[in-house]
Amino acid sequence: MSIERQAHGRIVQAVHGRQAAPRDLDFEAGLDAFLRQAYSREGLIELYGRFCTGDGTIDALMRRAIWRTLAGRCGAGLRVGSGAAFRHAETFSIGEGVFIGAQACIQGRFDGHCTIGNHVWIGPQAFLDARDLFLGDHVGWGPGAKLLGSTHTGVPHDIPIIQTDLEIKPVRIEAWADIGTNAVILPGVTIGKGAIVGAGAVVASDVPAFAIVAGVPARLLRWRTPEEAEEVEKVLANEG
């Protein structure tokens, strides 16, 4: 191996992004039906606590069964890591082949909606404020990356901020986008198709399709392809 090759690392084939959605076991549909019949929503949440942190095969089986049973919709091939947490899963619509990493947290709201597309990968220790959230197909969400969907208004000023009303703003992460480790996406932001958000970036405004952004606050570094750059620049010029 040459010095140049060592310096630039090596390229290996992607795993999650290329594989077909894993098949659910034949008996899992029956297990889901049994859980719905035998347990209330509160009972399922309590049951989840028994299997939440285990690393065994049964623990993983029961985690995905309970997520499927509680979610408004859930496709095949869901995988849920140990310690993954949720709130108001009944507002979730989960596609096929979704991976949710260890200690990730997806926090919905009783009157909200969260859509997670097919083959989405959500890394360990991620936090998603999923009160009004859309994640498109094949989105990659880096470990520790955070998404905020709401802020306190801070009005009136003569009471604690945490007592003021919440303003919920939709967040949209379009298909193929990739969010880097420990990045932060702020309320109301749309990340365009195929865009890349660098590790540790703080994104406060929309990111165009196929753009690469990084920094605090996030700024455009370059476009992923010359063709896309030319197309987006034409659109921006026309809008201006």
C-alpha atoms as a PDB file:
ATOM      1  CA  MET A   1       0.000   0.000   0.000  1.00  0.00           C
ATOM      2  CA  SER A   2       1.387   3.396  -0.993  1.00  0.00           C
ATOM      3  CA  ILE A   3       1.894   6.326   1.389  1.00  0.00           C
ATOM      4  CA  GLU A   4      -0.678   8.290  -0.604  1.00  0.00           C
ATOM      5  CA  ARG A   5      -3.295   5.588  -0.158  1.00  0.00           C
ATOM      6  CA  GLN A   6      -2.643   5.361   3.566  1.00  0.00           C
ATOM      7  CA  ALA A   7      -3.059   9.117   3.940  1.00  0.00           C
ATOM      8  CA  HIS A   8      -6.406   9.106   2.156  1.00  0.00           C
ATOM      9  CA  GLY A   9      -7.805   6.048   3.903  1.00  0.00           C
ATOM     10  CA  ARG A  10      -9.772   3.413   2.034  1.00  0.00           C
ATOM     11  CA  ILE A  11     -13.206   3.072   0.517  1.00  0.00           C
ATOM     12  CA  VAL A  12     -15.490   0.178   1.470  1.00  0.00           C
ATOM     13  CA  GLN A  13     -19.018  -0.589   0.356  1.00  0.00           C
ATOM     14  CA  ALA A  14     -21.925   0.847   2.368  1.00  0.00           C
ATOM     15  CA  VAL A  15     -23.968  -1.668   4.368  1.00  0.00           C
ATOM     16  CA  HIS A  16     -27.272  -0.197   5.581  1.00  0.00           C
ATOM     17  CA  GLY A  17     -27.808   2.015   2.548  1.00  0.00           C
ATOM     18  CA  ARG A  18     -27.433  -0.835   0.034  1.00  0.00           C
ATOM     19  CA  GLN A  19     -29.110  -3.759   1.720  1.00  0.00           C
ATOM     20  CA  ALA A  20     -32.741  -4.696   1.248  1.00  0.00           C
ATOM     21  CA  ALA A  21     -35.012  -4.221   4.249  1.00  0.00           C
ATOM     22  CA  PRO A  22     -34.569  -7.225   6.574  1.00  0.00           C
ATOM     23  CA  ARG A  23     -37.570  -9.543   6.614  1.00  0.00           C
ATOM     24  CA  ASP A  24     -39.617  -9.725   9.762  1.00  0.00           C
ATOM     25  CA  LEU A  25     -39.887 -13.231  11.198  1.00  0.00           C
ATOM     26  CA  ASP A  26     -43.012 -15.154  10.250  1.00  0.00           C
ATOM     27  CA  PHE A  27     -44.514 -15.044  13.734  1.00  0.00           C
ATOM     28  CA  GLU A  28     -43.999 -11.323  14.325  1.00  0.00           C
ATOM     29  CA  ALA A  29     -47.355 -10.243  12.869  1.00  0.00           C
ATOM     30  CA  GLY A  30     -49.032 -12.556  15.354  1.00  0.00           C
ATOM     31  CA  LEU A  31     -46.927 -11.177  18.172  1.00  0.00           C
ATOM     32  CA  ASP A  32     -47.961  -7.635  17.262  1.00  0.00           C
ATOM     33  CA  ALA A  33     -51.641  -8.634  17.235  1.00  0.00           C
ATOM     34  CA  PHE A  34     -51.277 -10.296  20.624  1.00  0.00           C
ATOM     35  CA  LEU A  35     -49.613  -7.235  22.143  1.00  0.00           C
ATOM     36  CA  ARG A  36     -52.368  -4.948  20.834  1.00  0.00           C
ATOM     37  CA  GLN A  37     -54.997  -7.194  22.365  1.00  0.00           C
ATOM     38  CA  ALA A  38     -53.284  -7.901  25.663  1.00  0.00           C
ATOM     39  CA  TYR A  39     -51.858  -4.479  26.573  1.00  0.00           C
ATOM     40  CA  SER A  40     -53.024  -0.911  26.740  1.00  0.00           C
ATOM     41  CA  ARG A  41     -50.803   1.852  25.391  1.00  0.00           C
ATOM     42  CA  GLU A  42     -49.575   2.529  28.934  1.00  0.00           C
ATOM     43  CA  GLY A  43     -49.003  -1.185  29.471  1.00  0.00           C
ATOM     44  CA  LEU A  44     -46.887  -1.425  26.325  1.00  0.00           C
ATOM     45  CA  ILE A  45     -44.747   1.504  27.438  1.00  0.00           C
ATOM     46  CA  GLU A  46     -44.205  -0.198  30.802  1.00  0.00           C
ATOM     47  CA  LEU A  47     -43.390  -3.483  29.042  1.00  0.00           C
ATOM     48  CA  TYR A  48     -40.865  -1.687  26.851  1.00  0.00           C
ATOM     49  CA  GLY A  49     -38.913  -0.799  29.980  1.00  0.00           C
ATOM     50  CA  ARG A  50     -38.175  -4.493  30.536  1.00  0.00           C
ATOM     51  CA  PHE A  51     -36.482  -4.884  27.151  1.00  0.00           C
ATOM     52  CA  CYS A  52     -35.226  -1.385  26.455  1.00  0.00           C
ATOM     53  CA  THR A  53     -31.601  -1.786  27.483  1.00  0.00           C
ATOM     54  CA  GLY A  54     -30.891  -5.437  26.827  1.00  0.00           C
ATOM     55  CA  ASP A  55     -28.545  -6.613  24.079  1.00  0.00           C
ATOM     56  CA  GLY A  56     -30.002 -10.083  23.548  1.00  0.00           C
ATOM     57  CA  THR A  57     -32.021 -11.371  20.608  1.00  0.00           C
ATOM     58  CA  ILE A  58     -35.292 -11.384  22.577  1.00  0.00           C
ATOM     59  CA  ASP A  59     -34.669  -7.829  23.774  1.00  0.00           C
ATOM     60  CA  ALA A  60     -34.216  -6.622  20.180  1.00  0.00           C
ATOM     61  CA  LEU A  61     -37.274  -8.589  19.039  1.00  0.00           C
ATOM     62  CA  MET A  62     -39.493  -7.093  21.733  1.00  0.00           C
ATOM     63  CA  ARG A  63     -38.221  -3.560  21.176  1.00  0.00           C
ATOM     64  CA  ARG A  64     -39.187  -3.570  17.526  1.00  0.00           C
ATOM     65  CA  ALA A  65     -42.476  -5.349  18.273  1.00  0.00           C
ATOM     66  CA  ILE A  66     -43.482  -2.670  20.772  1.00  0.00           C
ATOM     67  CA  TRP A  67     -42.417   0.167  18.453  1.00  0.00           C
ATOM     68  CA  ARG A  68     -44.458  -1.417  15.641  1.00  0.00           C
ATOM     69  CA  THR A  69     -47.472  -1.902  17.886  1.00  0.00           C
ATOM     70  CA  LEU A  70     -47.443   1.653  19.241  1.00  0.00           C
ATOM     71  CA  ALA A  71     -46.611   3.456  15.987  1.00  0.00           C
ATOM     72  CA  GLY A  72     -49.366   4.756  13.762  1.00  0.00           C
ATOM     73  CA  ARG A  73     -47.660   2.951  10.873  1.00  0.00           C
ATOM     74  CA  CYS A  74     -44.486   0.878  10.680  1.00  0.00           C
ATOM     75  CA  GLY A  75     -42.918  -0.946   7.752  1.00  0.00           C
ATOM     76  CA  ALA A  76     -40.941  -4.170   7.782  1.00  0.00           C
ATOM     77  CA  GLY A  77     -37.350  -4.530   8.891  1.00  0.00           C
ATOM     78  CA  LEU A  78     -37.273  -2.049  11.783  1.00  0.00           C
ATOM     79  CA  ARG A  79     -34.220  -2.350  14.047  1.00  0.00           C
ATOM     80  CA  VAL A  80     -34.067  -0.579  17.405  1.00  0.00           C
ATOM     81  CA  GLY A  81     -30.859  -0.342  19.437  1.00  0.00           C
ATOM     82  CA  SER A  82     -30.592  -0.714  23.190  1.00  0.00           C
ATOM     83  CA  GLY A  83     -31.715   2.284  25.218  1.00  0.00           C
ATOM     84  CA  ALA A  84     -33.599   3.891  22.315  1.00  0.00           C
ATOM     85  CA  ALA A  85     -36.453   6.022  23.643  1.00  0.00           C
ATOM     86  CA  PHE A  86     -39.652   7.468  22.226  1.00  0.00           C
ATOM     87  CA  ARG A  87     -42.567   9.665  23.173  1.00  0.00           C
ATOM     88  CA  HIS A  88     -45.986   9.668  21.504  1.00  0.00           C
ATOM     89  CA  ALA A  89     -45.070   6.889  19.093  1.00  0.00           C
ATOM     90  CA  GLU A  90     -48.696   6.833  17.968  1.00  0.00           C
ATOM     91  CA  THR A  91     -47.862   9.910  15.879  1.00  0.00           C
ATOM     92  CA  PHE A  92     -45.005   8.118  14.058  1.00  0.00           C
ATOM     93  CA  SER A  93     -45.162   6.822  10.493  1.00  0.00           C
ATOM     94  CA  ILE A  94     -42.092   4.634   9.976  1.00  0.00           C
ATOM     95  CA  GLY A  95     -41.013   3.240   6.611  1.00  0.00           C
ATOM     96  CA  GLU A  96     -39.269  -0.012   5.735  1.00  0.00           C
ATOM     97  CA  GLY A  97     -35.729  -0.926   6.719  1.00  0.00           C
ATOM     98  CA  VAL A  98     -35.323   1.812   9.341  1.00  0.00           C
ATOM     99  CA  PHE A  99     -32.473   1.628  11.852  1.00  0.00           C
ATOM    100  CA  ILE A 100     -32.650   3.490  15.179  1.00  0.00           C
ATOM    101  CA  GLY A 101     -29.373   3.459  17.092  1.00  0.00           C
ATOM    102  CA  ALA A 102     -28.635   2.839  20.746  1.00  0.00           C
ATOM    103  CA  GLN A 103     -29.795   5.589  23.125  1.00  0.00           C
ATOM    104  CA  ALA A 104     -31.409   7.595  20.337  1.00  0.00           C
ATOM    105  CA  CYS A 105     -34.515   9.536  21.365  1.00  0.00           C
ATOM    106  CA  ILE A 106     -37.454  10.464  19.128  1.00  0.00           C
ATOM    107  CA  GLN A 107     -39.805  12.786  20.975  1.00  0.00           C
ATOM    108  CA  GLY A 108     -43.195  13.305  19.380  1.00  0.00           C
ATOM    109  CA  ARG A 109     -46.165  15.322  20.557  1.00  0.00           C
ATOM    110  CA  PHE A 110     -49.731  14.116  21.051  1.00  0.00           C
ATOM    111  CA  ASP A 111     -51.080  16.422  18.326  1.00  0.00           C
ATOM    112  CA  GLY A 112     -48.021  16.279  16.064  1.00  0.00           C
ATOM    113  CA  HIS A 113     -46.774  14.036  13.286  1.00  0.00           C
ATOM    114  CA  CYS A 114     -43.451  12.397  12.507  1.00  0.00           C
ATOM    115  CA  THR A 115     -42.714  10.689   9.197  1.00  0.00           C
ATOM    116  CA  ILE A 116     -39.576   8.556   8.848  1.00  0.00           C
ATOM    117  CA  GLY A 117     -39.008   7.313   5.301  1.00  0.00           C
ATOM    118  CA  ASN A 118     -37.668   4.034   3.987  1.00  0.00           C
ATOM    119  CA  HIS A 119     -34.109   2.942   4.789  1.00  0.00           C
ATOM    120  CA  VAL A 120     -33.436   5.838   7.161  1.00  0.00           C
ATOM    121  CA  TRP A 121     -30.436   5.390   9.474  1.00  0.00           C
ATOM    122  CA  ILE A 122     -30.569   7.221  12.818  1.00  0.00           C
ATOM    123  CA  GLY A 123     -27.312   7.011  14.743  1.00  0.00           C
ATOM    124  CA  PRO A 124     -26.689   6.329  18.422  1.00  0.00           C
ATOM    125  CA  GLN A 125     -27.513   9.105  20.923  1.00  0.00           C
ATOM    126  CA  ALA A 126     -29.368  11.158  18.333  1.00  0.00           C
ATOM    127  CA  PHE A 127     -32.195  13.404  19.541  1.00  0.00           C
ATOM    128  CA  LEU A 128     -35.136  14.303  17.321  1.00  0.00           C
ATOM    129  CA  ASP A 129     -37.799  16.750  18.496  1.00  0.00           C
ATOM    130  CA  ALA A 130     -40.391  15.141  16.252  1.00  0.00           C
ATOM    131  CA  ARG A 131     -43.444  17.342  16.820  1.00  0.00           C
ATOM    132  CA  ASP A 132     -43.686  18.184  13.101  1.00  0.00           C
ATOM    133  CA  LEU A 133     -40.964  16.232  11.330  1.00  0.00           C
ATOM    134  CA  PHE A 134     -40.395  14.667   7.935  1.00  0.00           C
ATOM    135  CA  LEU A 135     -37.363  12.498   7.149  1.00  0.00           C
ATOM    136  CA  GLY A 136     -37.253  11.379   3.518  1.00  0.00           C
ATOM    137  CA  ASP A 137     -36.065   8.038   2.167  1.00  0.00           C
ATOM    138  CA  HIS A 138     -32.421   7.053   2.669  1.00  0.00           C
ATOM    139  CA  VAL A 139     -31.625   9.869   5.100  1.00  0.00           C
ATOM    140  CA  GLY A 140     -28.524   9.359   7.245  1.00  0.00           C
ATOM    141  CA  TRP A 141     -28.642  10.918  10.714  1.00  0.00           C
ATOM    142  CA  GLY A 142     -25.264  10.991  12.439  1.00  0.00           C
ATOM    143  CA  PRO A 143     -24.538   9.882  16.012  1.00  0.00           C
ATOM    144  CA  GLY A 144     -25.378  12.573  18.543  1.00  0.00           C
ATOM    145  CA  ALA A 145     -26.985  14.849  15.952  1.00  0.00           C
ATOM    146  CA  LYS A 146     -29.936  16.848  17.265  1.00  0.00           C
ATOM    147  CA  LEU A 147     -33.061  18.319  15.754  1.00  0.00           C
ATOM    148  CA  LEU A 148     -35.172  20.978  17.450  1.00  0.00           C
ATOM    149  CA  GLY A 149     -38.741  21.477  16.312  1.00  0.00           C
ATOM    150  CA  SER A 150     -39.896  24.115  18.744  1.00  0.00           C
ATOM    151  CA  THR A 151     -38.804  27.099  20.818  1.00  0.00           C
ATOM    152  CA  HIS A 152     -40.326  29.086  23.648  1.00  0.00           C
ATOM    153  CA  THR A 153     -41.628  32.472  22.567  1.00  0.00           C
ATOM    154  CA  GLY A 154     -40.135  34.233  25.601  1.00  0.00           C
ATOM    155  CA  VAL A 155     -43.250  36.423  25.784  1.00  0.00           C
ATOM    156  CA  PRO A 156     -44.201  37.949  28.134  1.00  0.00           C
ATOM    157  CA  HIS A 157     -40.771  38.852  29.440  1.00  0.00           C
ATOM    158  CA  ASP A 158     -41.773  39.013  33.122  1.00  0.00           C
ATOM    159  CA  ILE A 159     -42.199  35.238  33.582  1.00  0.00           C
ATOM    160  CA  PRO A 160     -39.677  32.398  33.247  1.00  0.00           C
ATOM    161  CA  ILE A 161     -39.020  31.545  29.608  1.00  0.00           C
ATOM    162  CA  ILE A 162     -39.926  27.901  30.163  1.00  0.00           C
ATOM    163  CA  GLN A 163     -43.432  29.060  31.160  1.00  0.00           C
ATOM    164  CA  THR A 164     -44.021  30.875  27.868  1.00  0.00           C
ATOM    165  CA  ASP A 165     -45.788  29.293  24.921  1.00  0.00           C
ATOM    166  CA  LEU A 166     -44.040  26.984  22.480  1.00  0.00           C
ATOM    167  CA  GLU A 167     -43.811  27.828  18.793  1.00  0.00           C
ATOM    168  CA  ILE A 168     -43.662  24.616  16.783  1.00  0.00           C
ATOM    169  CA  LYS A 169     -42.104  24.854  13.324  1.00  0.00           C
ATOM    170  CA  PRO A 170     -41.932  22.035  10.770  1.00  0.00           C
ATOM    171  CA  VAL A 171     -38.547  20.503   9.963  1.00  0.00           C
ATOM    172  CA  ARG A 172     -38.020  18.744   6.639  1.00  0.00           C
ATOM    173  CA  ILE A 173     -35.041  16.548   5.806  1.00  0.00           C
ATOM    174  CA  GLU A 174     -35.451  15.561   2.184  1.00  0.00           C
ATOM    175  CA  ALA A 175     -34.467  12.201   0.667  1.00  0.00           C
ATOM    176  CA  TRP A 176     -30.793  11.193   0.477  1.00  0.00           C
ATOM    177  CA  ALA A 177     -29.607  13.968   2.804  1.00  0.00           C
ATOM    178  CA  ASP A 178     -26.874  13.197   5.322  1.00  0.00           C
ATOM    179  CA  ILE A 179     -26.588  14.900   8.718  1.00  0.00           C
ATOM    180  CA  GLY A 180     -23.149  14.765  10.331  1.00  0.00           C
ATOM    181  CA  THR A 181     -22.201  13.692  13.832  1.00  0.00           C
ATOM    182  CA  ASN A 182     -23.288  16.163  16.550  1.00  0.00           C
ATOM    183  CA  ALA A 183     -24.862  18.566  14.058  1.00  0.00           C
ATOM    184  CA  VAL A 184     -27.858  20.635  15.230  1.00  0.00           C
ATOM    185  CA  ILE A 185     -30.856  21.392  13.015  1.00  0.00           C
ATOM    186  CA  LEU A 186     -32.973  24.301  14.300  1.00  0.00           C
ATOM    187  CA  PRO A 187     -36.781  24.739  14.035  1.00  0.00           C
ATOM    188  CA  GLY A 188     -38.313  25.536  10.670  1.00  0.00           C
ATOM    189  CA  VAL A 189     -35.332  24.359   8.602  1.00  0.00           C
ATOM    190  CA  THR A 190     -35.531  22.349   5.385  1.00  0.00           C
ATOM    191  CA  ILE A 191     -32.515  20.317   4.280  1.00  0.00           C
ATOM    192  CA  GLY A 192     -32.709  19.728   0.531  1.00  0.00           C
ATOM    193  CA  LYS A 193     -32.415  16.438  -1.309  1.00  0.00           C
ATOM    194  CA  GLY A 194     -28.946  14.922  -1.222  1.00  0.00           C
ATOM    195  CA  ALA A 195     -27.452  17.726   0.884  1.00  0.00           C
ATOM    196  CA  ILE A 196     -24.633  17.090   3.350  1.00  0.00           C
ATOM    197  CA  VAL A 197     -24.460  18.801   6.747  1.00  0.00           C
ATOM    198  CA  GLY A 198     -20.991  18.635   8.267  1.00  0.00           C
ATOM    199  CA  ALA A 199     -20.196  17.298  11.723  1.00  0.00           C
ATOM    200  CA  GLY A 200     -20.920  19.789  14.506  1.00  0.00           C
ATOM    201  CA  ALA A 201     -22.693  22.260  12.216  1.00  0.00           C
ATOM    202  CA  VAL A 202     -25.537  24.416  13.532  1.00  0.00           C
ATOM    203  CA  VAL A 203     -28.120  24.850  10.773  1.00  0.00           C
ATOM    204  CA  ALA A 204     -30.398  27.861  11.214  1.00  0.00           C
ATOM    205  CA  SER A 205     -31.605  28.331   7.620  1.00  0.00           C
ATOM    206  CA  ASP A 206     -32.628  26.161   4.675  1.00  0.00           C
ATOM    207  CA  VAL A 207     -29.982  24.146   2.838  1.00  0.00           C
ATOM    208  CA  PRO A 208     -30.402  23.736  -0.946  1.00  0.00           C
ATOM    209  CA  ALA A 209     -30.456  20.351  -2.616  1.00  0.00           C
ATOM    210  CA  PHE A 210     -27.025  18.756  -3.115  1.00  0.00           C
ATOM    211  CA  ALA A 211     -25.244  21.484  -1.151  1.00  0.00           C
ATOM    212  CA  ILE A 212     -22.487  20.780   1.385  1.00  0.00           C
ATOM    213  CA  VAL A 213     -22.632  23.023   4.459  1.00  0.00           C
ATOM    214  CA  ALA A 214     -20.619  23.171   7.671  1.00  0.00           C
ATOM    215  CA  GLY A 215     -19.729  25.510  10.520  1.00  0.00           C
ATOM    216  CA  VAL A 216     -21.460  27.539  13.232  1.00  0.00           C
ATOM    217  CA  PRO A 217     -23.662  28.862  11.827  1.00  0.00           C
ATOM    218  CA  ALA A 218     -23.623  26.521   8.841  1.00  0.00           C
ATOM    219  CA  ARG A 219     -22.441  28.049   5.559  1.00  0.00           C
ATOM    220  CA  LEU A 220     -22.190  26.710   2.033  1.00  0.00           C
ATOM    221  CA  LEU A 221     -18.856  25.058   1.270  1.00  0.00           C
ATOM    222  CA  ARG A 222     -19.568  23.725  -2.200  1.00  0.00           C
ATOM    223  CA  TRP A 223     -22.054  21.861  -4.351  1.00  0.00           C
ATOM    224  CA  ARG A 224     -21.902  18.099  -4.702  1.00  0.00           C
ATOM    225  CA  THR A 225     -22.042  18.205  -8.513  1.00  0.00           C
ATOM    226  CA  PRO A 226     -21.394  20.966 -11.062  1.00  0.00           C
ATOM    227  CA  GLU A 227     -24.693  20.199 -12.776  1.00  0.00           C
ATOM    228  CA  GLU A 228     -26.681  20.608  -9.571  1.00  0.00           C
ATOM    229  CA  ALA A 229     -24.812  23.789  -8.677  1.00  0.00           C
ATOM    230  CA  GLU A 230     -25.676  25.323 -12.045  1.00  0.00           C
ATOM    231  CA  GLU A 231     -29.336  24.315 -11.762  1.00  0.00           C
ATOM    232  CA  VAL A 232     -29.759  25.647  -8.214  1.00  0.00           C
ATOM    233  CA  GLU A 233     -27.964  28.893  -9.043  1.00  0.00           C
ATOM    234  CA  LYS A 234     -30.402  29.462 -11.936  1.00  0.00           C
ATOM    235  CA  VAL A 235     -33.353  28.918  -9.619  1.00  0.00           C
ATOM    236  CA  LEU A 236     -31.934  31.311  -7.025  1.00  0.00           C
ATOM    237  CA  ALA A 237     -31.255  33.924  -9.712  1.00  0.00           C
ATOM    238  CA  ASN A 238     -34.840  33.670 -10.971  1.00  0.00           C
ATOM    239  CA  GLU A 239     -36.216  33.975  -7.440  1.00  0.00           C
ATOM    240  CA  GLY A 240     -34.051  37.067  -6.893  1.00  0.00           C
END
